[in-house]
C-alpha cells in the first residue's frame, strides 16, 4: 500500500485540530465511523467528487505507517470507485502528519494541487 495518504480538511477544522493535537474528522467522517483518505493517484477524483468548489481547504499529507492498525484499506461505499481507499478508524494524531498546505481554487473553481500529486 502507499506510504503517504491524503485528506482534505476545512482550514478552520485543521486549526482546531492543531490546537487539540489530533484531528477527529469531518461531520461526514463521524457519520461513517472513520476518517476518509485517498492515495495520491485517487486524490484528484476524490476532491472533484466530494469537495468540488469548496474553498479554504487544507491538503493534509499523512505517513500511513504512523497510523498503525487503525488504518484499513477498503473499497469505496457501494463499490462506486475502483481500488481500495485508506480509512482511519480513530483520530489522526498530528505526529503522523507530514504536511498541511492550503489548497487554493483556480479561476474555474477547481483545486490547484501541488506538482507531487499526479
N, C-alpha and C. Protein backbone atom coordinates (compact mmCIF):
# COMPACT_ATOMS: atom_id res chain seq x y z
N UNK A 1 0.84 -1.19 0.00
CA UNK A 1 0.00 0.00 0.00
C UNK A 1 0.89 1.25 0.00
N UNK A 2 0.29 2.38 -0.31
CA UNK A 2 1.03 3.63 -0.43
C UNK A 2 1.58 4.08 0.92
N UNK A 3 2.77 4.66 0.89
CA UNK A 3 3.41 5.15 2.12
C UNK A 3 2.78 6.44 2.61
N UNK A 4 2.28 7.25 1.66
CA UNK A 4 1.65 8.53 2.01
C UNK A 4 0.19 8.50 1.60
N UNK A 5 -0.68 9.04 2.46
CA UNK A 5 -2.09 9.17 2.17
C UNK A 5 -2.50 10.61 2.42
N UNK A 6 -3.66 10.99 1.91
CA UNK A 6 -4.06 12.40 1.91
C UNK A 6 -5.52 12.55 2.32
N UNK A 7 -5.81 13.66 2.96
CA UNK A 7 -7.18 14.05 3.25
C UNK A 7 -7.30 15.55 3.05
N UNK A 8 -8.53 15.99 2.76
CA UNK A 8 -8.81 17.40 2.59
C UNK A 8 -9.64 17.86 3.77
N UNK A 9 -9.17 18.90 4.44
CA UNK A 9 -9.79 19.36 5.68
C UNK A 9 -10.05 20.86 5.58
N UNK A 10 -11.21 21.28 6.00
CA UNK A 10 -11.50 22.73 6.04
C UNK A 10 -10.47 23.41 6.95
N UNK A 11 -10.02 24.58 6.54
CA UNK A 11 -8.95 25.27 7.26
C UNK A 11 -9.30 25.49 8.74
N UNK A 12 -10.52 25.90 9.02
CA UNK A 12 -10.92 26.14 10.42
C UNK A 12 -10.87 24.84 11.23
N UNK A 13 -11.27 23.72 10.61
CA UNK A 13 -11.21 22.43 11.31
C UNK A 13 -9.76 22.01 11.54
N UNK A 14 -8.88 22.33 10.59
CA UNK A 14 -7.48 21.98 10.77
C UNK A 14 -6.85 22.82 11.88
N UNK A 15 -7.21 24.09 11.96
CA UNK A 15 -6.69 24.93 13.04
C UNK A 15 -7.13 24.38 14.40
N UNK A 16 -8.37 23.90 14.48
CA UNK A 16 -8.86 23.30 15.73
C UNK A 16 -8.08 22.02 16.04
N UNK A 17 -7.78 21.23 15.02
CA UNK A 17 -7.00 20.01 15.22
C UNK A 17 -5.60 20.32 15.73
N UNK A 18 -5.00 21.37 15.20
CA UNK A 18 -3.67 21.76 15.66
C UNK A 18 -3.70 22.15 17.13
N UNK A 19 -4.74 22.83 17.55
CA UNK A 19 -4.86 23.20 18.96
C UNK A 19 -5.09 21.96 19.84
N UNK A 20 -5.86 21.00 19.32
CA UNK A 20 -6.21 19.81 20.08
C UNK A 20 -5.11 18.74 20.05
N UNK A 21 -4.23 18.80 19.04
CA UNK A 21 -3.19 17.79 18.91
C UNK A 21 -3.60 16.57 18.11
N UNK A 22 -4.83 16.58 17.58
CA UNK A 22 -5.32 15.46 16.76
C UNK A 22 -6.52 15.95 15.96
N UNK A 23 -6.78 15.26 14.85
CA UNK A 23 -7.93 15.57 14.01
C UNK A 23 -8.95 14.45 14.16
N UNK A 24 -10.17 14.81 14.58
CA UNK A 24 -11.22 13.83 14.83
C UNK A 24 -12.12 13.61 13.62
N UNK A 25 -11.93 14.38 12.56
CA UNK A 25 -12.70 14.17 11.34
C UNK A 25 -13.81 15.16 11.12
N UNK A 26 -14.33 15.13 9.89
CA UNK A 26 -15.44 16.00 9.49
C UNK A 26 -16.75 15.37 9.94
N UNK A 27 -17.84 16.07 9.71
CA UNK A 27 -19.16 15.51 10.00
C UNK A 27 -19.38 14.23 9.19
N UNK A 28 -18.93 14.21 7.93
CA UNK A 28 -19.06 13.01 7.11
C UNK A 28 -18.25 11.86 7.69
N UNK A 29 -17.03 12.15 8.15
CA UNK A 29 -16.19 11.12 8.76
C UNK A 29 -16.89 10.54 9.99
N UNK A 30 -17.39 11.41 10.84
CA UNK A 30 -18.03 10.94 12.07
C UNK A 30 -19.28 10.11 11.75
N UNK A 31 -20.04 10.52 10.73
CA UNK A 31 -21.23 9.76 10.31
C UNK A 31 -20.83 8.35 9.85
N UNK A 32 -19.74 8.26 9.08
CA UNK A 32 -19.32 6.99 8.50
C UNK A 32 -18.51 6.13 9.46
N UNK A 33 -18.02 6.71 10.55
CA UNK A 33 -17.28 5.95 11.55
C UNK A 33 -15.79 5.82 11.29
N UNK A 34 -15.28 6.56 10.31
CA UNK A 34 -13.85 6.56 10.01
C UNK A 34 -13.48 7.81 9.25
N UNK A 35 -12.19 8.15 9.27
CA UNK A 35 -11.69 9.29 8.51
C UNK A 35 -11.37 8.82 7.10
N UNK A 36 -11.84 9.58 6.10
CA UNK A 36 -11.64 9.25 4.70
C UNK A 36 -10.29 9.79 4.22
N UNK A 37 -9.52 8.93 3.57
CA UNK A 37 -8.26 9.33 2.97
C UNK A 37 -8.23 8.85 1.53
N UNK A 38 -7.27 9.36 0.78
CA UNK A 38 -7.03 8.94 -0.60
C UNK A 38 -5.53 8.77 -0.78
N UNK A 39 -5.18 7.96 -1.76
CA UNK A 39 -3.78 7.91 -2.19
C UNK A 39 -3.55 9.10 -3.12
N UNK A 40 -2.30 9.33 -3.49
CA UNK A 40 -2.00 10.43 -4.41
C UNK A 40 -2.75 10.25 -5.73
N UNK A 41 -2.81 9.02 -6.23
CA UNK A 41 -3.47 8.78 -7.51
C UNK A 41 -4.99 8.87 -7.42
N UNK A 42 -5.57 8.77 -6.24
CA UNK A 42 -7.02 8.86 -6.05
C UNK A 42 -7.49 10.27 -5.69
N UNK A 43 -6.56 11.11 -5.29
CA UNK A 43 -6.90 12.38 -4.65
C UNK A 43 -7.69 13.33 -5.54
N UNK A 44 -7.26 13.54 -6.77
CA UNK A 44 -7.95 14.49 -7.65
C UNK A 44 -9.41 14.08 -7.88
N UNK A 45 -9.64 12.80 -8.15
CA UNK A 45 -11.01 12.33 -8.39
C UNK A 45 -11.85 12.46 -7.12
N UNK A 46 -11.26 12.15 -5.97
CA UNK A 46 -12.00 12.28 -4.71
C UNK A 46 -12.36 13.74 -4.44
N UNK A 47 -11.43 14.63 -4.68
CA UNK A 47 -11.70 16.06 -4.46
C UNK A 47 -12.80 16.54 -5.39
N UNK A 48 -12.75 16.12 -6.65
CA UNK A 48 -13.76 16.54 -7.62
C UNK A 48 -15.14 16.01 -7.24
N UNK A 49 -15.19 14.80 -6.70
CA UNK A 49 -16.48 14.19 -6.35
C UNK A 49 -17.05 14.73 -5.04
N UNK A 50 -16.18 14.92 -4.04
CA UNK A 50 -16.68 15.24 -2.70
C UNK A 50 -16.42 16.67 -2.22
N UNK A 51 -15.49 17.37 -2.86
CA UNK A 51 -15.13 18.72 -2.38
C UNK A 51 -15.09 19.75 -3.51
N UNK A 52 -15.74 19.49 -4.62
CA UNK A 52 -15.70 20.40 -5.77
C UNK A 52 -16.11 21.82 -5.36
N UNK A 53 -15.25 22.78 -5.69
CA UNK A 53 -15.54 24.18 -5.44
C UNK A 53 -15.46 24.63 -4.00
N UNK A 54 -15.09 23.75 -3.09
CA UNK A 54 -15.03 24.11 -1.67
C UNK A 54 -13.75 24.91 -1.43
N UNK A 55 -13.90 26.16 -0.97
CA UNK A 55 -12.71 26.97 -0.69
C UNK A 55 -12.14 26.66 0.69
N UNK A 56 -10.99 27.21 0.97
CA UNK A 56 -10.38 27.14 2.31
C UNK A 56 -10.12 25.73 2.78
N UNK A 57 -9.63 24.88 1.87
CA UNK A 57 -9.26 23.52 2.26
C UNK A 57 -7.77 23.41 2.48
N UNK A 58 -7.41 22.50 3.36
CA UNK A 58 -6.02 22.15 3.58
C UNK A 58 -5.80 20.75 3.02
N UNK A 59 -4.69 20.57 2.31
CA UNK A 59 -4.27 19.26 1.85
C UNK A 59 -3.35 18.70 2.93
N UNK A 60 -3.79 17.64 3.58
CA UNK A 60 -3.05 17.05 4.69
C UNK A 60 -2.41 15.75 4.21
N UNK A 61 -1.07 15.71 4.27
CA UNK A 61 -0.29 14.54 3.86
C UNK A 61 0.11 13.77 5.11
N UNK A 62 -0.16 12.47 5.09
CA UNK A 62 -0.01 11.64 6.29
C UNK A 62 0.88 10.43 5.99
N UNK A 63 1.73 10.09 6.93
CA UNK A 63 2.54 8.87 6.87
C UNK A 63 1.62 7.71 7.25
N UNK A 64 1.27 6.87 6.27
CA UNK A 64 0.32 5.79 6.51
C UNK A 64 0.79 4.85 7.62
N UNK A 65 2.06 4.52 7.66
CA UNK A 65 2.58 3.59 8.67
C UNK A 65 2.39 4.13 10.09
N UNK A 66 2.45 5.45 10.23
CA UNK A 66 2.31 6.06 11.56
C UNK A 66 0.89 5.95 12.10
N UNK A 67 -0.06 5.56 11.26
CA UNK A 67 -1.45 5.40 11.70
C UNK A 67 -1.69 4.04 12.35
N UNK A 68 -0.76 3.11 12.16
CA UNK A 68 -0.86 1.81 12.81
C UNK A 68 -2.03 0.97 12.32
N UNK A 69 -2.50 0.10 13.21
CA UNK A 69 -3.56 -0.84 12.88
C UNK A 69 -4.92 -0.19 12.69
N UNK A 70 -5.06 1.07 13.07
CA UNK A 70 -6.34 1.77 12.90
C UNK A 70 -6.60 2.11 11.43
N UNK A 71 -5.57 2.01 10.58
CA UNK A 71 -5.72 2.30 9.16
C UNK A 71 -6.07 1.01 8.42
N UNK A 72 -7.16 1.05 7.68
CA UNK A 72 -7.60 -0.11 6.89
C UNK A 72 -7.79 0.32 5.44
N UNK A 73 -7.48 -0.58 4.53
CA UNK A 73 -7.64 -0.34 3.10
C UNK A 73 -8.91 -1.06 2.66
N UNK A 74 -9.90 -0.28 2.22
CA UNK A 74 -11.22 -0.84 1.93
C UNK A 74 -11.78 -0.27 0.63
N UNK A 75 -12.74 -1.00 0.01
CA UNK A 75 -13.39 -0.46 -1.18
C UNK A 75 -14.27 0.73 -0.82
N UNK A 76 -14.54 1.59 -1.79
CA UNK A 76 -15.45 2.72 -1.58
C UNK A 76 -16.86 2.17 -1.31
N UNK A 77 -17.64 2.94 -0.60
CA UNK A 77 -19.01 2.53 -0.28
C UNK A 77 -19.77 2.19 -1.56
N UNK A 78 -20.41 1.05 -1.56
CA UNK A 78 -21.19 0.63 -2.72
C UNK A 78 -20.35 0.27 -3.92
N UNK A 79 -19.02 0.20 -3.74
CA UNK A 79 -18.15 -0.13 -4.87
C UNK A 79 -18.19 0.89 -5.98
N UNK A 80 -18.49 2.16 -5.62
CA UNK A 80 -18.68 3.19 -6.63
C UNK A 80 -17.40 3.61 -7.33
N UNK A 81 -16.25 3.32 -6.75
CA UNK A 81 -14.97 3.67 -7.38
C UNK A 81 -14.02 2.49 -7.23
N UNK A 82 -13.22 2.24 -8.26
CA UNK A 82 -12.31 1.09 -8.20
C UNK A 82 -11.16 1.32 -7.22
N UNK A 83 -10.59 0.23 -6.76
CA UNK A 83 -9.44 0.30 -5.88
C UNK A 83 -9.83 0.34 -4.42
N UNK A 84 -8.81 0.26 -3.57
CA UNK A 84 -9.00 0.32 -2.14
C UNK A 84 -8.63 1.71 -1.64
N UNK A 85 -9.39 2.20 -0.68
CA UNK A 85 -9.17 3.52 -0.12
C UNK A 85 -8.73 3.39 1.33
N UNK A 86 -7.82 4.25 1.78
CA UNK A 86 -7.40 4.22 3.18
C UNK A 86 -8.45 4.87 4.08
N UNK A 87 -8.87 4.14 5.11
CA UNK A 87 -9.84 4.62 6.09
C UNK A 87 -9.20 4.49 7.47
N UNK A 88 -9.24 5.57 8.23
CA UNK A 88 -8.65 5.56 9.57
C UNK A 88 -9.76 5.47 10.61
N UNK A 89 -9.77 4.40 11.37
CA UNK A 89 -10.76 4.17 12.41
C UNK A 89 -10.21 4.69 13.73
N UNK A 90 -10.30 5.98 13.90
CA UNK A 90 -9.79 6.66 15.08
C UNK A 90 -9.39 8.08 14.69
N UNK A 91 -8.87 8.80 15.64
CA UNK A 91 -8.43 10.16 15.35
C UNK A 91 -7.05 10.13 14.69
N UNK A 92 -6.77 11.18 13.96
CA UNK A 92 -5.48 11.33 13.30
C UNK A 92 -4.54 12.09 14.23
N UNK A 93 -3.50 11.44 14.75
CA UNK A 93 -2.55 12.17 15.59
C UNK A 93 -1.69 13.08 14.71
N UNK A 94 -1.43 14.26 15.18
CA UNK A 94 -0.62 15.20 14.39
C UNK A 94 0.79 14.68 14.17
N UNK A 95 1.23 13.75 15.01
CA UNK A 95 2.57 13.18 14.82
C UNK A 95 2.66 12.37 13.53
N UNK A 96 1.53 11.95 12.95
CA UNK A 96 1.52 11.20 11.70
C UNK A 96 1.50 12.11 10.47
N UNK A 97 1.29 13.41 10.69
CA UNK A 97 1.13 14.36 9.59
C UNK A 97 2.50 14.82 9.09
N UNK A 98 2.71 14.68 7.80
CA UNK A 98 3.95 15.16 7.17
C UNK A 98 3.85 16.63 6.80
N UNK A 99 2.69 17.04 6.29
CA UNK A 99 2.49 18.45 5.93
C UNK A 99 1.00 18.75 5.84
N UNK A 100 0.69 20.02 5.97
CA UNK A 100 -0.67 20.53 5.78
C UNK A 100 -0.52 21.86 5.05
N UNK A 101 -0.99 21.90 3.81
CA UNK A 101 -0.83 23.10 2.99
C UNK A 101 -2.17 23.52 2.41
N UNK A 102 -2.30 24.82 2.22
CA UNK A 102 -3.53 25.36 1.64
C UNK A 102 -3.72 24.82 0.22
N UNK A 103 -4.96 24.53 -0.12
CA UNK A 103 -5.30 24.01 -1.44
C UNK A 103 -6.21 25.04 -2.11
N UNK A 104 -5.62 25.95 -2.89
CA UNK A 104 -6.41 27.03 -3.48
C UNK A 104 -7.28 26.55 -4.64
N UNK A 105 -8.22 27.40 -5.02
CA UNK A 105 -9.05 27.16 -6.20
C UNK A 105 -8.52 28.02 -7.34
N UNK A 106 -8.63 27.51 -8.58
CA UNK A 106 -8.27 28.34 -9.73
C UNK A 106 -9.48 29.17 -10.13
N UNK A 107 -9.37 29.93 -11.20
CA UNK A 107 -10.46 30.83 -11.60
C UNK A 107 -11.71 30.08 -12.04
N UNK A 108 -11.57 28.80 -12.36
CA UNK A 108 -12.72 27.97 -12.73
C UNK A 108 -13.30 27.21 -11.54
N UNK A 109 -12.77 27.44 -10.34
CA UNK A 109 -13.27 26.79 -9.15
C UNK A 109 -12.74 25.39 -8.92
N UNK A 110 -11.67 25.00 -9.65
CA UNK A 110 -11.05 23.70 -9.44
C UNK A 110 -9.86 23.84 -8.49
N UNK A 111 -9.62 22.81 -7.69
CA UNK A 111 -8.50 22.85 -6.76
C UNK A 111 -7.17 22.77 -7.50
N UNK A 112 -6.21 23.52 -7.03
CA UNK A 112 -4.88 23.56 -7.61
C UNK A 112 -3.97 22.71 -6.71
N UNK A 113 -3.61 21.52 -7.21
CA UNK A 113 -2.79 20.59 -6.44
C UNK A 113 -1.31 20.85 -6.69
N UNK A 114 -0.48 20.52 -5.72
CA UNK A 114 0.98 20.65 -5.92
C UNK A 114 1.43 19.66 -7.00
N UNK A 115 2.57 19.91 -7.62
CA UNK A 115 3.07 19.04 -8.68
C UNK A 115 3.29 17.58 -8.25
N UNK A 116 3.45 17.34 -6.96
CA UNK A 116 3.68 15.98 -6.48
C UNK A 116 2.44 15.08 -6.56
N UNK A 117 1.29 15.68 -6.80
CA UNK A 117 0.03 14.92 -6.90
C UNK A 117 -0.23 14.68 -8.39
N UNK A 118 -0.25 13.41 -8.81
CA UNK A 118 -0.44 13.12 -10.25
C UNK A 118 -1.81 13.53 -10.77
